[in-house]
Amino acid sequence: MASLVRTLPRAHSASSRRLLCQSHRISPVLAFSSNWNHVQKRTQATVAESGPAVTATNRAEATLKRFWKTVGIEKRDNGHLVTLDKRPLKTPSGKHLLLPKEKRLAAILVAGEWDNQDTLLKQHSLPMTSLTSRAIDALGDEETRKQVRAQLLKYLETDTICFHQTEPQTIVDLQAQHWNPLLDWVQSEFSVQISTSNSFFRPVHPEETFKKFDEVMQKFDPWEMAAMERAVYTSKSFIIALALIKRQITAEQAAQASHVEVNSQIEKWGEVEDSHDVDYHDVRRQLASAAVLSSNL
């Protein structure tokens, strides 16, 4: 039987500092055989007594306990369907968690997340599942997409990389290393003007810039839209997220760009245990999931 190996690192694992998010060509850390019809069996955990849930996802969230023995991936409807005990895994709204055939890596990682659960469900370790469900459940609807685009464009008004400091030299150097190339790229690539500020006053971008980026996002498919949404919320930057989705930067580079100020503070004052280290892993976990879903691997 093919063995499904752990895909995403645990939040406090030292080894997880070298996540799969080093590039968009992420090497799957999930080991698998060529035959996905065979799946690994595990000891079934006891289910807490509660009313029946509509889907396996909802049931797991309600009980916080593992109730499935096997996890697999089936080819169905010209795509990849993740299964629990040979039954389709469903999104919170009840739709099959079915990914297109060109997103095999995303399907593998979703399956790995569920196989990686032991007795108790760890919701923070299901980033691919939640992101994929978001794309399937919500971002095929044009009205929802319009609302999401408007919300994401608000982040451009206060984009992290548009606020520059002139001291100390540590942060000036980090800004030049991680932010300036992105500002040059986004203005050149999309023929837009991006304003920056070195004061408390918010930089004002031309209205044409917002219109252009709205047009860019209108062309995103549901997978790219879900990935863009997560990347913006994680990095607090529209520009960093756009560069990630457009494969201009890797997930690791996006994480470094979003943490310029934090890294400057760490360099001066040191790392705060159970704060900076946890955030370090979580940011990379979220950005890596967005990178995978937006790519065709």
C-alpha atoms as a PDB file:
ATOM      1  CA  MET A   1       0.000   0.000   0.000  1.00  0.00           C
ATOM      2  CA  ALA A   2       1.147   3.498  -0.738  1.00  0.00           C
ATOM      3  CA  SER A   3       2.165   5.449   2.295  1.00  0.00           C
ATOM      4  CA  LEU A   4       0.993   8.990   2.767  1.00  0.00           C
ATOM      5  CA  VAL A   5       3.705  10.862   4.611  1.00  0.00           C
ATOM      6  CA  ARG A   6       3.314  14.096   6.551  1.00  0.00           C
ATOM      7  CA  THR A   7       3.131  17.111   4.270  1.00  0.00           C
ATOM      8  CA  LEU A   8       3.086  20.258   6.335  1.00  0.00           C
ATOM      9  CA  PRO A   9       5.365  20.861   9.335  1.00  0.00           C
ATOM     10  CA  ARG A  10       4.006  21.161  12.808  1.00  0.00           C
ATOM     11  CA  ALA A  11       3.873  24.689  14.155  1.00  0.00           C
ATOM     12  CA  HIS A  12       6.753  24.261  16.634  1.00  0.00           C
ATOM     13  CA  SER A  13       8.967  21.876  14.659  1.00  0.00           C
ATOM     14  CA  ALA A  14      12.496  23.120  14.127  1.00  0.00           C
ATOM     15  CA  SER A  15      12.712  21.294  10.822  1.00  0.00           C
ATOM     16  CA  SER A  16       9.743  23.225   9.474  1.00  0.00           C
ATOM     17  CA  ARG A  17      11.984  26.235   8.954  1.00  0.00           C
ATOM     18  CA  ARG A  18      12.790  24.681   5.628  1.00  0.00           C
ATOM     19  CA  LEU A  19       9.221  24.460   4.337  1.00  0.00           C
ATOM     20  CA  LEU A  20       8.211  23.361   0.901  1.00  0.00           C
ATOM     21  CA  CYS A  21       7.668  27.033   0.032  1.00  0.00           C
ATOM     22  CA  GLN A  22      11.184  27.719  -1.200  1.00  0.00           C
ATOM     23  CA  SER A  23       9.831  28.192  -4.726  1.00  0.00           C
ATOM     24  CA  HIS A  24       6.754  27.735  -6.850  1.00  0.00           C
ATOM     25  CA  ARG A  25       8.343  24.538  -8.039  1.00  0.00           C
ATOM     26  CA  ILE A  26       7.840  23.125  -4.609  1.00  0.00           C
ATOM     27  CA  SER A  27       9.111  19.607  -4.260  1.00  0.00           C
ATOM     28  CA  PRO A  28       6.327  17.590  -2.626  1.00  0.00           C
ATOM     29  CA  VAL A  29       7.387  16.409   0.774  1.00  0.00           C
ATOM     30  CA  LEU A  30       4.505  14.051   0.599  1.00  0.00           C
ATOM     31  CA  ALA A  31       5.895  10.681  -0.524  1.00  0.00           C
ATOM     32  CA  PHE A  32       3.461   8.731  -2.670  1.00  0.00           C
ATOM     33  CA  SER A  33       3.449   5.795  -5.032  1.00  0.00           C
ATOM     34  CA  SER A  34       2.267   5.898  -8.618  1.00  0.00           C
ATOM     35  CA  ASN A  35      -0.902   4.070  -7.698  1.00  0.00           C
ATOM     36  CA  TRP A  36      -3.249   6.281  -5.694  1.00  0.00           C
ATOM     37  CA  ASN A  37      -5.992   3.671  -5.635  1.00  0.00           C
ATOM     38  CA  HIS A  38      -4.243   2.118  -2.665  1.00  0.00           C
ATOM     39  CA  VAL A  39      -4.368   4.021   0.578  1.00  0.00           C
ATOM     40  CA  GLN A  40      -2.981   3.643   4.035  1.00  0.00           C
ATOM     41  CA  LYS A  41      -5.121   2.308   6.876  1.00  0.00           C
ATOM     42  CA  ARG A  42      -4.977   3.776  10.357  1.00  0.00           C
ATOM     43  CA  THR A  43      -6.563   3.114  13.685  1.00  0.00           C
ATOM     44  CA  GLN A  44      -9.913   4.828  13.809  1.00  0.00           C
ATOM     45  CA  ALA A  45     -10.283   7.392  16.563  1.00  0.00           C
ATOM     46  CA  THR A  46     -13.376   7.563  18.748  1.00  0.00           C
ATOM     47  CA  VAL A  47     -15.934  10.107  17.613  1.00  0.00           C
ATOM     48  CA  ALA A  48     -17.383  12.432  20.213  1.00  0.00           C
ATOM     49  CA  GLU A  49     -21.126  12.079  20.636  1.00  0.00           C
ATOM     50  CA  SER A  50     -22.874  14.836  18.708  1.00  0.00           C
ATOM     51  CA  GLY A  51     -25.505  15.336  16.039  1.00  0.00           C
ATOM     52  CA  PRO A  52     -24.696  14.297  12.467  1.00  0.00           C
ATOM     53  CA  ALA A  53     -22.890  16.827  10.301  1.00  0.00           C
ATOM     54  CA  VAL A  54     -23.522  17.387   6.625  1.00  0.00           C
ATOM     55  CA  THR A  55     -19.967  16.807   5.414  1.00  0.00           C
ATOM     56  CA  ALA A  56     -16.802  15.106   6.602  1.00  0.00           C
ATOM     57  CA  THR A  57     -15.170  18.510   6.921  1.00  0.00           C
ATOM     58  CA  ASN A  58     -17.977  19.818   9.119  1.00  0.00           C
ATOM     59  CA  ARG A  59     -18.034  16.598  11.105  1.00  0.00           C
ATOM     60  CA  ALA A  60     -14.314  16.798  11.804  1.00  0.00           C
ATOM     61  CA  GLU A  61     -14.575  20.438  12.822  1.00  0.00           C
ATOM     62  CA  ALA A  62     -17.510  19.674  15.109  1.00  0.00           C
ATOM     63  CA  THR A  63     -15.932  16.712  16.891  1.00  0.00           C
ATOM     64  CA  LEU A  64     -12.247  17.653  16.572  1.00  0.00           C
ATOM     65  CA  LYS A  65     -11.552  13.918  16.380  1.00  0.00           C
ATOM     66  CA  ARG A  66     -10.454  11.657  13.550  1.00  0.00           C
ATOM     67  CA  PHE A  67     -13.198   9.331  12.338  1.00  0.00           C
ATOM     68  CA  TRP A  68     -11.732   8.105   9.026  1.00  0.00           C
ATOM     69  CA  LYS A  69      -9.351   5.206   8.448  1.00  0.00           C
ATOM     70  CA  THR A  70      -8.079   5.829   4.929  1.00  0.00           C
ATOM     71  CA  VAL A  71      -7.270   8.789   2.708  1.00  0.00           C
ATOM     72  CA  GLY A  72      -6.971   8.574  -1.054  1.00  0.00           C
ATOM     73  CA  ILE A  73      -7.144  10.401  -4.369  1.00  0.00           C
ATOM     74  CA  GLU A  74      -9.341   9.231  -7.221  1.00  0.00           C
ATOM     75  CA  LYS A  75      -9.486  10.395 -10.817  1.00  0.00           C
ATOM     76  CA  ARG A  76     -12.990  11.636 -11.436  1.00  0.00           C
ATOM     77  CA  ASP A  77     -14.629  14.092 -13.838  1.00  0.00           C
ATOM     78  CA  ASN A  78     -11.261  14.838 -15.444  1.00  0.00           C
ATOM     79  CA  GLY A  79      -9.848  15.905 -12.095  1.00  0.00           C
ATOM     80  CA  HIS A  80      -8.559  14.722  -8.716  1.00  0.00           C
ATOM     81  CA  LEU A  81     -11.067  13.868  -5.991  1.00  0.00           C
ATOM     82  CA  VAL A  82      -9.820  13.511  -2.421  1.00  0.00           C
ATOM     83  CA  THR A  83     -11.555  10.730  -0.475  1.00  0.00           C
ATOM     84  CA  LEU A  84     -11.917   9.656   3.145  1.00  0.00           C
ATOM     85  CA  ASP A  85     -12.726   5.942   3.489  1.00  0.00           C
ATOM     86  CA  LYS A  86     -13.317   5.971  -0.289  1.00  0.00           C
ATOM     87  CA  ARG A  87     -16.050   8.580   0.106  1.00  0.00           C
ATOM     88  CA  PRO A  88     -15.601  12.024  -1.473  1.00  0.00           C
ATOM     89  CA  LEU A  89     -14.247  14.698   0.836  1.00  0.00           C
ATOM     90  CA  LYS A  90     -16.648  17.612   0.734  1.00  0.00           C
ATOM     91  CA  THR A  91     -16.345  21.324   1.337  1.00  0.00           C
ATOM     92  CA  PRO A  92     -18.283  22.962   4.201  1.00  0.00           C
ATOM     93  CA  SER A  93     -21.107  23.755   1.750  1.00  0.00           C
ATOM     94  CA  GLY A  94     -21.342  20.109   0.673  1.00  0.00           C
ATOM     95  CA  LYS A  95     -19.568  20.221  -2.700  1.00  0.00           C
ATOM     96  CA  HIS A  96     -17.034  17.581  -3.678  1.00  0.00           C
ATOM     97  CA  LEU A  97     -13.467  18.672  -3.066  1.00  0.00           C
ATOM     98  CA  LEU A  98     -12.513  18.115  -6.690  1.00  0.00           C
ATOM     99  CA  LEU A  99      -9.443  19.741  -8.188  1.00  0.00           C
ATOM    100  CA  PRO A 100      -8.617  20.086 -11.897  1.00  0.00           C
ATOM    101  CA  LYS A 101      -6.213  17.564 -13.387  1.00  0.00           C
ATOM    102  CA  GLU A 102      -3.490  20.232 -13.663  1.00  0.00           C
ATOM    103  CA  LYS A 103      -3.543  20.766  -9.881  1.00  0.00           C
ATOM    104  CA  ARG A 104      -2.332  17.347  -8.808  1.00  0.00           C
ATOM    105  CA  LEU A 105       0.116  18.738  -6.249  1.00  0.00           C
ATOM    106  CA  ALA A 106      -2.679  20.640  -4.518  1.00  0.00           C
ATOM    107  CA  ALA A 107      -4.752  17.439  -4.375  1.00  0.00           C
ATOM    108  CA  ILE A 108      -1.790  15.524  -2.938  1.00  0.00           C
ATOM    109  CA  LEU A 109      -1.275  18.128  -0.228  1.00  0.00           C
ATOM    110  CA  VAL A 110      -4.976  18.209   0.685  1.00  0.00           C
ATOM    111  CA  ALA A 111      -4.946  14.418   1.042  1.00  0.00           C
ATOM    112  CA  GLY A 112      -1.751  14.631   3.051  1.00  0.00           C
ATOM    113  CA  GLU A 113      -3.287  17.129   5.456  1.00  0.00           C
ATOM    114  CA  TRP A 114      -6.100  14.728   6.305  1.00  0.00           C
ATOM    115  CA  ASP A 115      -3.845  11.699   6.498  1.00  0.00           C
ATOM    116  CA  ASN A 116      -1.533  13.680   8.760  1.00  0.00           C
ATOM    117  CA  GLN A 117      -4.231  14.107  11.407  1.00  0.00           C
ATOM    118  CA  ASP A 118      -3.798  11.717  14.286  1.00  0.00           C
ATOM    119  CA  THR A 119      -6.422  11.343  16.992  1.00  0.00           C
ATOM    120  CA  LEU A 120      -7.378  14.995  17.296  1.00  0.00           C
ATOM    121  CA  LEU A 121      -8.010  17.302  14.369  1.00  0.00           C
ATOM    122  CA  LYS A 122      -5.617  20.262  14.183  1.00  0.00           C
ATOM    123  CA  GLN A 123      -7.455  22.876  12.173  1.00  0.00           C
ATOM    124  CA  HIS A 124      -4.367  25.052  11.698  1.00  0.00           C
ATOM    125  CA  SER A 125      -2.767  22.174   9.773  1.00  0.00           C
ATOM    126  CA  LEU A 126      -5.413  22.199   7.009  1.00  0.00           C
ATOM    127  CA  PRO A 127      -4.403  25.307   5.024  1.00  0.00           C
ATOM    128  CA  MET A 128      -4.725  23.648   1.608  1.00  0.00           C
ATOM    129  CA  THR A 129      -8.122  22.198   2.485  1.00  0.00           C
ATOM    130  CA  SER A 130      -9.532  25.518   3.664  1.00  0.00           C
ATOM    131  CA  LEU A 131      -8.098  27.408   0.702  1.00  0.00           C
ATOM    132  CA  THR A 132      -9.377  24.893  -1.837  1.00  0.00           C
ATOM    133  CA  SER A 133     -12.805  24.899  -0.193  1.00  0.00           C
ATOM    134  CA  ARG A 134     -12.898  28.681  -0.371  1.00  0.00           C
ATOM    135  CA  ALA A 135     -12.255  28.569  -4.109  1.00  0.00           C
ATOM    136  CA  ILE A 136     -14.919  25.927  -4.712  1.00  0.00           C
ATOM    137  CA  ASP A 137     -17.616  27.265  -2.394  1.00  0.00           C
ATOM    138  CA  ALA A 138     -17.400  31.005  -2.957  1.00  0.00           C
ATOM    139  CA  LEU A 139     -15.145  32.277  -5.692  1.00  0.00           C
ATOM    140  CA  GLY A 140     -17.019  30.950  -8.677  1.00  0.00           C
ATOM    141  CA  ASP A 141     -19.785  33.457  -7.888  1.00  0.00           C
ATOM    142  CA  GLU A 142     -19.235  36.786  -9.652  1.00  0.00           C
ATOM    143  CA  GLU A 143     -20.892  38.910  -6.979  1.00  0.00           C
ATOM    144  CA  THR A 144     -18.662  37.398  -4.318  1.00  0.00           C
ATOM    145  CA  ARG A 145     -15.611  37.876  -6.533  1.00  0.00           C
ATOM    146  CA  LYS A 146     -16.525  41.537  -7.003  1.00  0.00           C
ATOM    147  CA  GLN A 147     -16.751  42.045  -3.248  1.00  0.00           C
ATOM    148  CA  VAL A 148     -13.439  40.271  -2.679  1.00  0.00           C
ATOM    149  CA  ARG A 149     -11.703  42.375  -5.328  1.00  0.00           C
ATOM    150  CA  ALA A 150     -12.962  45.571  -3.709  1.00  0.00           C
ATOM    151  CA  GLN A 151     -11.768  44.411  -0.293  1.00  0.00           C
ATOM    152  CA  LEU A 152      -8.318  43.453  -1.573  1.00  0.00           C
ATOM    153  CA  LEU A 153      -7.868  46.777  -3.346  1.00  0.00           C
ATOM    154  CA  LYS A 154      -8.297  48.509   0.011  1.00  0.00           C
ATOM    155  CA  TYR A 155      -5.048  46.867   1.076  1.00  0.00           C
ATOM    156  CA  LEU A 156      -3.319  48.696  -1.764  1.00  0.00           C
ATOM    157  CA  GLU A 157      -4.218  51.999  -0.082  1.00  0.00           C
ATOM    158  CA  THR A 158      -2.136  51.037   2.961  1.00  0.00           C
ATOM    159  CA  ASP A 159       0.192  48.519   1.352  1.00  0.00           C
ATOM    160  CA  THR A 160       3.042  47.487   3.627  1.00  0.00           C
ATOM    161  CA  ILE A 161       5.749  48.059   1.039  1.00  0.00           C
ATOM    162  CA  CYS A 162       4.593  51.609   0.306  1.00  0.00           C
ATOM    163  CA  PHE A 163       5.568  52.862   3.778  1.00  0.00           C
ATOM    164  CA  HIS A 164       9.324  53.329   3.985  1.00  0.00           C
ATOM    165  CA  GLN A 165      11.445  54.276   6.952  1.00  0.00           C
ATOM    166  CA  THR A 166      14.649  56.276   6.755  1.00  0.00           C
ATOM    167  CA  GLU A 167      16.232  54.740   9.844  1.00  0.00           C
ATOM    168  CA  PRO A 168      17.737  52.600  11.265  1.00  0.00           C
ATOM    169  CA  GLN A 169      20.022  51.469   8.481  1.00  0.00           C
ATOM    170  CA  THR A 170      19.021  47.831   9.034  1.00  0.00           C
ATOM    171  CA  ILE A 171      15.459  48.411   7.907  1.00  0.00           C
ATOM    172  CA  VAL A 172      16.567  50.732   5.093  1.00  0.00           C
ATOM    173  CA  ASP A 173      18.715  47.918   3.715  1.00  0.00           C
ATOM    174  CA  LEU A 174      15.911  45.358   4.051  1.00  0.00           C
ATOM    175  CA  GLN A 175      13.460  47.672   2.278  1.00  0.00           C
ATOM    176  CA  ALA A 176      15.915  48.121  -0.586  1.00  0.00           C
ATOM    177  CA  GLN A 177      16.468  44.375  -0.815  1.00  0.00           C
ATOM    178  CA  HIS A 178      12.877  43.122  -0.589  1.00  0.00           C
ATOM    179  CA  TRP A 179      10.584  46.025  -1.489  1.00  0.00           C
ATOM    180  CA  ASN A 180      12.229  48.144  -4.152  1.00  0.00           C
ATOM    181  CA  PRO A 181      12.454  45.302  -6.717  1.00  0.00           C
ATOM    182  CA  LEU A 182       8.743  44.602  -6.266  1.00  0.00           C
ATOM    183  CA  LEU A 183       7.831  48.274  -6.692  1.00  0.00           C
ATOM    184  CA  ASP A 184       9.914  48.440  -9.874  1.00  0.00           C
ATOM    185  CA  TRP A 185       8.378  45.223 -11.200  1.00  0.00           C
ATOM    186  CA  VAL A 186       4.732  46.069 -10.541  1.00  0.00           C
ATOM    187  CA  GLN A 187       4.995  49.520 -12.141  1.00  0.00           C
ATOM    188  CA  SER A 188       6.807  48.198 -15.188  1.00  0.00           C
ATOM    189  CA  GLU A 189       4.719  45.040 -15.630  1.00  0.00           C
ATOM    190  CA  PHE A 190       1.302  46.721 -15.388  1.00  0.00           C
ATOM    191  CA  SER A 191       2.168  50.273 -16.497  1.00  0.00           C
ATOM    192  CA  VAL A 192       0.855  51.790 -13.280  1.00  0.00           C
ATOM    193  CA  GLN A 193       2.111  54.386 -10.827  1.00  0.00           C
ATOM    194  CA  ILE A 194       2.684  53.394  -7.193  1.00  0.00           C
ATOM    195  CA  SER A 195       3.289  56.094  -4.602  1.00  0.00           C
ATOM    196  CA  THR A 196       5.352  55.605  -1.455  1.00  0.00           C
ATOM    197  CA  SER A 197       5.648  57.521   1.795  1.00  0.00           C
ATOM    198  CA  ASN A 198       8.294  57.936   4.474  1.00  0.00           C
ATOM    199  CA  SER A 199       5.905  59.622   6.911  1.00  0.00           C
ATOM    200  CA  PHE A 200       2.668  58.791   8.689  1.00  0.00           C
ATOM    201  CA  PHE A 201       0.673  60.137   5.769  1.00  0.00           C
ATOM    202  CA  ARG A 202      -0.861  57.563   3.487  1.00  0.00           C
ATOM    203  CA  PRO A 203       0.513  57.477  -0.064  1.00  0.00           C
ATOM    204  CA  VAL A 204      -2.090  58.272  -2.708  1.00  0.00           C
ATOM    205  CA  HIS A 205      -2.130  56.092  -5.812  1.00  0.00           C
ATOM    206  CA  PRO A 206      -3.800  57.281  -9.042  1.00  0.00           C
ATOM    207  CA  GLU A 207      -7.313  56.008  -9.656  1.00  0.00           C
ATOM    208  CA  GLU A 208      -6.074  54.394 -12.857  1.00  0.00           C
ATOM    209  CA  THR A 209      -3.865  52.120 -10.763  1.00  0.00           C
ATOM    210  CA  PHE A 210      -6.854  50.706  -8.894  1.00  0.00           C
ATOM    211  CA  LYS A 211      -8.796  50.210 -12.116  1.00  0.00           C
ATOM    212  CA  LYS A 212      -5.896  48.370 -13.692  1.00  0.00           C
ATOM    213  CA  PHE A 213      -5.496  45.976 -10.781  1.00  0.00           C
ATOM    214  CA  ASP A 214      -9.240  45.332 -10.690  1.00  0.00           C
ATOM    215  CA  GLU A 215      -9.040  44.361 -14.355  1.00  0.00           C
ATOM    216  CA  VAL A 216      -6.105  42.068 -13.603  1.00  0.00           C
ATOM    217  CA  MET A 217      -8.041  40.261 -10.860  1.00  0.00           C
ATOM    218  CA  GLN A 218     -11.134  39.922 -13.048  1.00  0.00           C
ATOM    219  CA  LYS A 219      -9.107  37.514 -15.182  1.00  0.00           C
ATOM    220  CA  PHE A 220      -8.225  35.266 -12.231  1.00  0.00           C
ATOM    221  CA  ASP A 221      -9.885  31.868 -12.052  1.00  0.00           C
ATOM    222  CA  PRO A 222     -11.397  30.807  -8.680  1.00  0.00           C
ATOM    223  CA  TRP A 223      -8.146  29.118  -7.629  1.00  0.00           C
ATOM    224  CA  GLU A 224      -6.038  32.196  -8.331  1.00  0.00           C
ATOM    225  CA  MET A 225      -8.629  34.421  -6.666  1.00  0.00           C
ATOM    226  CA  ALA A 226      -8.617  32.328  -3.490  1.00  0.00           C
ATOM    227  CA  ALA A 227      -4.821  32.280  -3.494  1.00  0.00           C
ATOM    228  CA  MET A 228      -4.660  36.046  -4.012  1.00  0.00           C
ATOM    229  CA  GLU A 229      -7.084  36.649  -1.166  1.00  0.00           C
ATOM    230  CA  ARG A 230      -5.089  34.530   1.276  1.00  0.00           C
ATOM    231  CA  ALA A 231      -1.762  35.999   0.187  1.00  0.00           C
ATOM    232  CA  VAL A 232      -3.002  39.567   0.668  1.00  0.00           C
ATOM    233  CA  TYR A 233      -4.431  38.859   4.116  1.00  0.00           C
ATOM    234  CA  THR A 234      -1.277  37.023   5.161  1.00  0.00           C
ATOM    235  CA  SER A 235       1.292  39.494   3.849  1.00  0.00           C
ATOM    236  CA  LYS A 236      -0.789  42.648   4.440  1.00  0.00           C
ATOM    237  CA  SER A 237       0.308  43.670   0.978  1.00  0.00           C
ATOM    238  CA  PHE A 238      -1.530  43.687  -2.339  1.00  0.00           C
ATOM    239  CA  ILE A 239       1.731  44.028  -4.269  1.00  0.00           C
ATOM    240  CA  ILE A 240       3.526  41.162  -2.515  1.00  0.00           C
ATOM    241  CA  ALA A 241       0.495  38.926  -3.067  1.00  0.00           C
ATOM    242  CA  LEU A 242       0.223  39.856  -6.740  1.00  0.00           C
ATOM    243  CA  ALA A 243       3.909  39.125  -7.277  1.00  0.00           C
ATOM    244  CA  LEU A 244       3.430  35.715  -5.652  1.00  0.00           C
ATOM    245  CA  ILE A 245       0.393  34.796  -7.754  1.00  0.00           C
ATOM    246  CA  LYS A 246       2.158  35.995 -10.906  1.00  0.00           C
ATOM    247  CA  ARG A 247       5.179  33.841  -9.960  1.00  0.00           C
ATOM    248  CA  GLN A 248       7.485  36.816  -9.814  1.00  0.00           C
ATOM    249  CA  ILE A 249       8.616  35.729  -6.342  1.00  0.00           C
ATOM    250  CA  THR A 250       8.563  32.532  -4.321  1.00  0.00           C
ATOM    251  CA  ALA A 251       6.604  31.963  -1.138  1.00  0.00           C
ATOM    252  CA  GLU A 252       9.807  32.328   0.875  1.00  0.00           C
ATOM    253  CA  GLN A 253      10.587  35.634  -0.798  1.00  0.00           C
ATOM    254  CA  ALA A 254       7.025  36.806  -0.168  1.00  0.00           C
ATOM    255  CA  ALA A 255       7.389  35.909   3.506  1.00  0.00           C
ATOM    256  CA  GLN A 256      10.670  37.807   3.745  1.00  0.00           C
ATOM    257  CA  ALA A 257       9.133  40.863   2.080  1.00  0.00           C
ATOM    258  CA  SER A 258       6.129  40.837   4.398  1.00  0.00           C
ATOM    259  CA  HIS A 259       8.378  40.596   7.466  1.00  0.00           C
ATOM    260  CA  VAL A 260      10.872  43.369   6.745  1.00  0.00           C
ATOM    261  CA  GLU A 261       9.912  45.342   9.844  1.00  0.00           C
ATOM    262  CA  VAL A 262       9.739  42.250  12.045  1.00  0.00           C
ATOM    263  CA  ASN A 263      13.103  40.991  10.828  1.00  0.00           C
ATOM    264  CA  SER A 264      14.630  44.388  11.524  1.00  0.00           C
ATOM    265  CA  GLN A 265      13.336  44.249  15.095  1.00  0.00           C
ATOM    266  CA  ILE A 266      14.579  40.696  15.555  1.00  0.00           C
ATOM    267  CA  GLU A 267      18.018  41.673  14.315  1.00  0.00           C
ATOM    268  CA  LYS A 268      18.154  44.441  16.920  1.00  0.00           C
ATOM    269  CA  TRP A 269      16.337  42.945  19.908  1.00  0.00           C
ATOM    270  CA  GLY A 270      16.300  39.208  19.265  1.00  0.00           C
ATOM    271  CA  GLU A 271      13.481  36.726  18.712  1.00  0.00           C
ATOM    272  CA  VAL A 272      10.543  36.408  21.108  1.00  0.00           C
ATOM    273  CA  GLU A 273       9.915  32.714  21.753  1.00  0.00           C
ATOM    274  CA  ASP A 274       6.404  31.419  20.993  1.00  0.00           C
ATOM    275  CA  SER A 275       5.663  34.605  19.083  1.00  0.00           C
ATOM    276  CA  HIS A 276       8.106  35.337  16.288  1.00  0.00           C
ATOM    277  CA  ASP A 277       8.876  31.660  15.704  1.00  0.00           C
ATOM    278  CA  VAL A 278       5.204  30.655  15.497  1.00  0.00           C
ATOM    279  CA  ASP A 279       4.449  33.548  13.161  1.00  0.00           C
ATOM    280  CA  TYR A 280       7.463  32.575  11.048  1.00  0.00           C
ATOM    281  CA  HIS A 281       5.990  29.153  10.335  1.00  0.00           C
ATOM    282  CA  ASP A 282       2.382  30.254   9.942  1.00  0.00           C
ATOM    283  CA  VAL A 283       3.154  32.949   7.372  1.00  0.00           C
ATOM    284  CA  ARG A 284       5.107  30.481   5.262  1.00  0.00           C
ATOM    285  CA  ARG A 285       2.411  27.842   5.605  1.00  0.00           C
ATOM    286  CA  GLN A 286      -0.267  30.247   4.359  1.00  0.00           C
ATOM    287  CA  LEU A 287       1.795  31.730   1.537  1.00  0.00           C
ATOM    288  CA  ALA A 288       2.988  28.292   0.409  1.00  0.00           C
ATOM    289  CA  SER A 289      -0.607  27.043   0.167  1.00  0.00           C
ATOM    290  CA  ALA A 290      -1.477  30.084  -1.963  1.00  0.00           C
ATOM    291  CA  ALA A 291       1.558  29.472  -4.193  1.00  0.00           C
ATOM    292  CA  VAL A 292       0.606  25.829  -4.732  1.00  0.00           C
ATOM    293  CA  LEU A 293      -3.074  26.470  -5.488  1.00  0.00           C
ATOM    294  CA  SER A 294      -2.303  29.216  -7.982  1.00  0.00           C
ATOM    295  CA  SER A 295       0.183  27.039  -9.868  1.00  0.00           C
ATOM    296  CA  ASN A 296      -0.421  24.115 -12.203  1.00  0.00           C
ATOM    297  CA  LEU A 297       1.752  21.352 -10.837  1.00  0.00           C
END
